[in-house]
C-alpha atoms as a PDB file:
ATOM      1  CA  MET A   1      -0.081  -0.113  -0.101  1.00  0.00           C
ATOM      2  CA  ALA A   2       2.859   2.520   0.850  1.00  0.00           C
ATOM      3  CA  VAL A   3       4.106   1.987  -2.601  1.00  0.00           C
ATOM      4  CA  ALA A   4       0.925   3.090  -4.194  1.00  0.00           C
ATOM      5  CA  PHE A   5       0.856   6.368  -2.285  1.00  0.00           C
ATOM      6  CA  THR A   6       4.422   6.975  -3.025  1.00  0.00           C
ATOM      7  CA  ARG A   7       3.872   6.523  -6.786  1.00  0.00           C
ATOM      8  CA  GLU A   8       0.919   8.891  -6.828  1.00  0.00           C
ATOM      9  CA  GLU A   9       3.091  11.519  -4.965  1.00  0.00           C
ATOM     10  CA  ASP A  10       5.783  10.960  -7.691  1.00  0.00           C
ATOM     11  CA  TYR A  11       3.345  11.519 -10.546  1.00  0.00           C
ATOM     12  CA  GLU A  12       2.149  14.705  -8.741  1.00  0.00           C
ATOM     13  CA  ALA A  13       5.661  15.834  -8.262  1.00  0.00           C
ATOM     14  CA  GLN A  14       6.567  15.311 -11.906  1.00  0.00           C
ATOM     15  CA  ALA A  15       3.433  17.181 -13.051  1.00  0.00           C
ATOM     16  CA  ALA A  16       4.330  20.149 -10.781  1.00  0.00           C
ATOM     17  CA  ASN A  17       7.725  20.341 -12.363  1.00  0.00           C
ATOM     18  CA  LEU A  18       6.792  22.103 -15.383  1.00  0.00           C
ATOM     19  CA  PRO A  19       9.548  23.352 -17.591  1.00  0.00           C
ATOM     20  CA  ASP A  20       9.377  27.194 -18.368  1.00  0.00           C
ATOM     21  CA  ARG A  21       7.723  28.276 -21.568  1.00  0.00           C
ATOM     22  CA  PRO A  22      10.249  28.987 -24.190  1.00  0.00           C
ATOM     23  CA  VAL A  23      10.918  32.904 -24.683  1.00  0.00           C
ATOM     24  CA  SER A  24      12.022  33.851 -28.303  1.00  0.00           C
ATOM     25  CA  ALA A  25      15.549  35.323 -28.787  1.00  0.00           C
ATOM     26  CA  HIS A  26      13.810  37.753 -31.170  1.00  0.00           C
ATOM     27  CA  PRO A  27      12.948  41.422 -29.990  1.00  0.00           C
ATOM     28  CA  ASN A  28       9.535  41.420 -28.725  1.00  0.00           C
ATOM     29  CA  LEU A  29       7.830  43.663 -31.165  1.00  0.00           C
ATOM     30  CA  VAL A  30       4.202  44.245 -30.512  1.00  0.00           C
ATOM     31  CA  THR A  31       1.291  46.134 -31.906  1.00  0.00           C
ATOM     32  CA  ALA A  32      -0.937  47.980 -29.580  1.00  0.00           C
ATOM     33  CA  THR A  33      -3.382  45.023 -29.823  1.00  0.00           C
ATOM     34  CA  GLY A  34      -0.516  42.715 -28.917  1.00  0.00           C
ATOM     35  CA  LEU A  35       0.350  44.748 -26.040  1.00  0.00           C
ATOM     36  CA  ALA A  36      -3.138  44.670 -24.573  1.00  0.00           C
ATOM     37  CA  VAL A  37      -3.044  40.775 -25.143  1.00  0.00           C
ATOM     38  CA  ILE A  38      -0.013  40.542 -23.091  1.00  0.00           C
ATOM     39  CA  GLU A  39      -1.235  42.601 -20.452  1.00  0.00           C
ATOM     40  CA  ALA A  40      -4.402  40.678 -20.258  1.00  0.00           C
ATOM     41  CA  GLU A  41      -2.589  37.501 -20.208  1.00  0.00           C
ATOM     42  CA  LEU A  42      -0.261  38.855 -17.316  1.00  0.00           C
ATOM     43  CA  ALA A  43      -3.334  39.881 -15.447  1.00  0.00           C
ATOM     44  CA  SER A  44      -4.907  36.361 -15.930  1.00  0.00           C
ATOM     45  CA  ALA A  45      -1.491  34.723 -14.687  1.00  0.00           C
ATOM     46  CA  ARG A  46      -1.534  36.932 -11.596  1.00  0.00           C
ATOM     47  CA  ALA A  47      -5.077  36.005 -10.774  1.00  0.00           C
ATOM     48  CA  ALA A  48      -4.331  32.270 -11.299  1.00  0.00           C
ATOM     49  CA  TYR A  49      -1.431  32.591  -9.192  1.00  0.00           C
ATOM     50  CA  ALA A  50      -3.233  34.355  -6.387  1.00  0.00           C
ATOM     51  CA  ALA A  51      -5.900  31.755  -6.606  1.00  0.00           C
ATOM     52  CA  ALA A  52      -3.377  28.973  -6.238  1.00  0.00           C
ATOM     53  CA  GLN A  53      -1.958  30.677  -3.280  1.00  0.00           C
ATOM     54  CA  ALA A  54      -5.368  31.205  -1.605  1.00  0.00           C
ATOM     55  CA  GLU A  55      -6.096  27.465  -2.052  1.00  0.00           C
ATOM     56  CA  GLY A  56      -3.222  26.554  -0.115  1.00  0.00           C
ATOM     57  CA  GLY A  57      -0.304  26.780  -2.443  1.00  0.00           C
ATOM     58  CA  ILE A  58       2.017  24.002  -2.878  1.00  0.00           C
ATOM     59  CA  SER A  59       0.551  21.723  -0.344  1.00  0.00           C
ATOM     60  CA  ALA A  60      -3.039  21.796  -1.769  1.00  0.00           C
ATOM     61  CA  ASP A  61      -2.320  21.440  -5.505  1.00  0.00           C
ATOM     62  CA  ARG A  62       1.308  21.531  -6.718  1.00  0.00           C
ATOM     63  CA  THR A  63       0.328  21.351 -10.492  1.00  0.00           C
ATOM     64  CA  ALA A  64      -1.830  24.458 -10.413  1.00  0.00           C
ATOM     65  CA  MET A  65       0.644  26.344  -8.420  1.00  0.00           C
ATOM     66  CA  ALA A  66       3.539  25.312 -10.781  1.00  0.00           C
ATOM     67  CA  ARG A  67       1.260  26.297 -13.848  1.00  0.00           C
ATOM     68  CA  ALA A  68       0.533  29.649 -12.492  1.00  0.00           C
ATOM     69  CA  THR A  69       4.152  30.262 -11.389  1.00  0.00           C
ATOM     70  CA  ARG A  70       5.299  29.314 -14.869  1.00  0.00           C
ATOM     71  CA  ASP A  71       2.771  31.455 -16.605  1.00  0.00           C
ATOM     72  CA  LEU A  72       3.344  34.405 -14.375  1.00  0.00           C
ATOM     73  CA  ARG A  73       7.150  34.310 -15.247  1.00  0.00           C
ATOM     74  CA  TYR A  74       6.498  33.993 -18.942  1.00  0.00           C
ATOM     75  CA  TRP A  75       4.010  36.822 -19.412  1.00  0.00           C
ATOM     76  CA  SER A  76       6.106  38.919 -16.841  1.00  0.00           C
ATOM     77  CA  ALA A  77       9.132  38.506 -19.036  1.00  0.00           C
ATOM     78  CA  ARG A  78       7.125  39.217 -22.250  1.00  0.00           C
ATOM     79  CA  ARG A  79       5.725  42.397 -20.712  1.00  0.00           C
ATOM     80  CA  GLY A  80       9.107  43.464 -19.642  1.00  0.00           C
ATOM     81  CA  THR A  81      10.617  43.198 -23.030  1.00  0.00           C
ATOM     82  CA  ALA A  82       7.604  44.218 -25.175  1.00  0.00           C
ATOM     83  CA  GLN A  83       8.507  47.066 -27.716  1.00  0.00           C
ATOM     84  CA  LEU A  84       5.438  48.803 -28.914  1.00  0.00           C
ATOM     85  CA  THR A  85       6.104  49.265 -32.638  1.00  0.00           C
ATOM     86  CA  GLU A  86       3.889  51.676 -34.769  1.00  0.00           C
ATOM     87  CA  PRO A  87       5.979  52.559 -37.727  1.00  0.00           C
ATOM     88  CA  GLN A  88       5.148  55.476 -39.863  1.00  0.00           C
ATOM     89  CA  VAL A  89       2.895  54.064 -42.565  1.00  0.00           C
ATOM     90  CA  GLN A  90       4.289  54.195 -46.056  1.00  0.00           C
ATOM     91  CA  ALA A  91       1.417  53.826 -48.623  1.00  0.00           C
ATOM     92  CA  GLY A  92       1.451  50.294 -50.255  1.00  0.00           C
ATOM     93  CA  LYS A  93       4.485  48.991 -48.291  1.00  0.00           C
ATOM     94  CA  VAL A  94       4.364  46.017 -46.351  1.00  0.00           C
ATOM     95  CA  GLN A  95       5.227  46.893 -42.781  1.00  0.00           C
ATOM     96  CA  PHE A  96       4.965  45.483 -39.209  1.00  0.00           C
ATOM     97  CA  GLY A  97       1.363  45.996 -38.059  1.00  0.00           C
ATOM     98  CA  ARG A  98       0.027  46.354 -41.683  1.00  0.00           C
ATOM     99  CA  THR A  99      -2.253  43.771 -43.378  1.00  0.00           C
ATOM    100  CA  VAL A 100      -1.184  42.373 -46.861  1.00  0.00           C
ATOM    101  CA  THR A 101      -3.109  40.233 -49.430  1.00  0.00           C
ATOM    102  CA  ILE A 102      -1.144  38.125 -51.611  1.00  0.00           C
ATOM    103  CA  GLU A 103      -2.154  36.285 -54.654  1.00  0.00           C
ATOM    104  CA  ARG A 104      -0.669  32.801 -55.276  1.00  0.00           C
ATOM    105  CA  GLN A 105       0.308  31.327 -58.613  1.00  0.00           C
ATOM    106  CA  ASP A 106      -2.921  29.326 -58.603  1.00  0.00           C
ATOM    107  CA  GLY A 107      -5.080  32.392 -58.380  1.00  0.00           C
ATOM    108  CA  ARG A 108      -5.794  31.903 -54.506  1.00  0.00           C
ATOM    109  CA  ARG A 109      -5.648  35.148 -52.400  1.00  0.00           C
ATOM    110  CA  GLN A 110      -4.903  35.236 -48.754  1.00  0.00           C
ATOM    111  CA  THR A 111      -4.737  38.051 -46.410  1.00  0.00           C
ATOM    112  CA  PHE A 112      -2.545  38.324 -43.102  1.00  0.00           C
ATOM    113  CA  ARG A 113      -1.593  40.932 -40.748  1.00  0.00           C
ATOM    114  CA  ILE A 114       2.035  41.045 -39.809  1.00  0.00           C
ATOM    115  CA  VAL A 115       2.146  41.239 -35.899  1.00  0.00           C
ATOM    116  CA  GLY A 116       4.438  40.211 -32.803  1.00  0.00           C
ATOM    117  CA  GLU A 117       4.989  36.541 -31.781  1.00  0.00           C
ATOM    118  CA  ASP A 118       2.536  36.216 -28.862  1.00  0.00           C
ATOM    119  CA  GLU A 119      -0.337  37.959 -31.191  1.00  0.00           C
ATOM    120  CA  ALA A 120       0.199  35.713 -34.174  1.00  0.00           C
ATOM    121  CA  ASP A 121      -2.527  33.271 -35.102  1.00  0.00           C
ATOM    122  CA  PRO A 122      -2.365  32.283 -38.789  1.00  0.00           C
ATOM    123  CA  ALA A 123      -5.917  30.692 -38.674  1.00  0.00           C
ATOM    124  CA  ARG A 124      -7.191  33.987 -37.745  1.00  0.00           C
ATOM    125  CA  GLY A 125      -5.206  35.935 -40.201  1.00  0.00           C
ATOM    126  CA  SER A 126      -2.189  37.177 -38.280  1.00  0.00           C
ATOM    127  CA  ILE A 127       1.390  35.910 -38.768  1.00  0.00           C
ATOM    128  CA  SER A 128       4.576  36.819 -36.707  1.00  0.00           C
ATOM    129  CA  TYR A 129       7.144  39.149 -38.208  1.00  0.00           C
ATOM    130  CA  VAL A 130       9.702  36.380 -37.734  1.00  0.00           C
ATOM    131  CA  SER A 131       7.810  33.891 -39.679  1.00  0.00           C
ATOM    132  CA  PRO A 132       9.397  32.881 -43.182  1.00  0.00           C
ATOM    133  CA  MET A 133       6.370  34.463 -44.905  1.00  0.00           C
ATOM    134  CA  ALA A 134       6.419  37.750 -43.219  1.00  0.00           C
ATOM    135  CA  ARG A 135      10.234  38.005 -43.674  1.00  0.00           C
ATOM    136  CA  ALA A 136       9.615  37.386 -47.308  1.00  0.00           C
ATOM    137  CA  LEU A 137       6.919  40.092 -47.638  1.00  0.00           C
ATOM    138  CA  LEU A 138       8.366  42.875 -45.338  1.00  0.00           C
ATOM    139  CA  GLY A 139       9.604  45.849 -47.378  1.00  0.00           C
ATOM    140  CA  LYS A 140       7.759  44.744 -50.725  1.00  0.00           C
ATOM    141  CA  THR A 141       5.083  47.115 -52.142  1.00  0.00           C
ATOM    142  CA  GLU A 142       1.788  46.418 -53.982  1.00  0.00           C
ATOM    143  CA  GLY A 143       2.655  44.676 -57.275  1.00  0.00           C
ATOM    144  CA  ASP A 144       6.073  43.302 -55.862  1.00  0.00           C
ATOM    145  CA  VAL A 145       6.646  39.478 -56.158  1.00  0.00           C
ATOM    146  CA  ALA A 146       8.081  37.519 -53.272  1.00  0.00           C
ATOM    147  CA  THR A 147       9.203  33.773 -53.103  1.00  0.00           C
ATOM    148  CA  ILE A 148       7.454  31.778 -50.267  1.00  0.00           C
ATOM    149  CA  ASN A 149       8.213  28.119 -49.960  1.00  0.00           C
ATOM    150  CA  GLY A 150       9.711  28.146 -53.473  1.00  0.00           C
ATOM    151  CA  ALA A 151       6.621  29.602 -55.065  1.00  0.00           C
ATOM    152  CA  GLU A 152       6.120  33.211 -56.261  1.00  0.00           C
ATOM    153  CA  VAL A 153       3.286  35.343 -54.688  1.00  0.00           C
ATOM    154  CA  GLU A 154       2.297  38.835 -55.547  1.00  0.00           C
ATOM    155  CA  CYS A 155       1.612  41.556 -53.154  1.00  0.00           C
ATOM    156  CA  VAL A 156      -1.807  42.888 -54.592  1.00  0.00           C
ATOM    157  CA  GLU A 157      -2.896  44.995 -51.468  1.00  0.00           C
ATOM    158  CA  VAL A 158      -1.465  46.497 -48.421  1.00  0.00           C
ATOM    159  CA  ARG A 159      -3.419  48.492 -45.641  1.00  0.00           C
END
């Protein structure tokens, strides 16, 4: 019987030993929306940490405390390094924070907003400025061609 309790405690100890969330080595450029997202996540992490402490901290639920502590460290670091970036808009030029529509060789059109890493969500139409697609498009103007994954795409609109 004692072995069973030991194993259960070992599993809990392993679950509570969460690795830190990786922090990008790239500059933490953010749009105003991205900064708001980071601040909301930081507030949520602070609330989760306070809730875990109120429930007894490590002695009550080591996994919840570990998760809250990890997220608080991550979002604190991201907020501390956030660089609000709002470049002066240059008409028709692909820049950080702008939205670009591309046309692929098969005629498909796709629209993406180039944003910071924490704000990026390709399924919702935003890509990180450090992504290969964004790097290929940054600095291009409407009508320019860029190579993405070995295929050419045309920048058809920038707003």
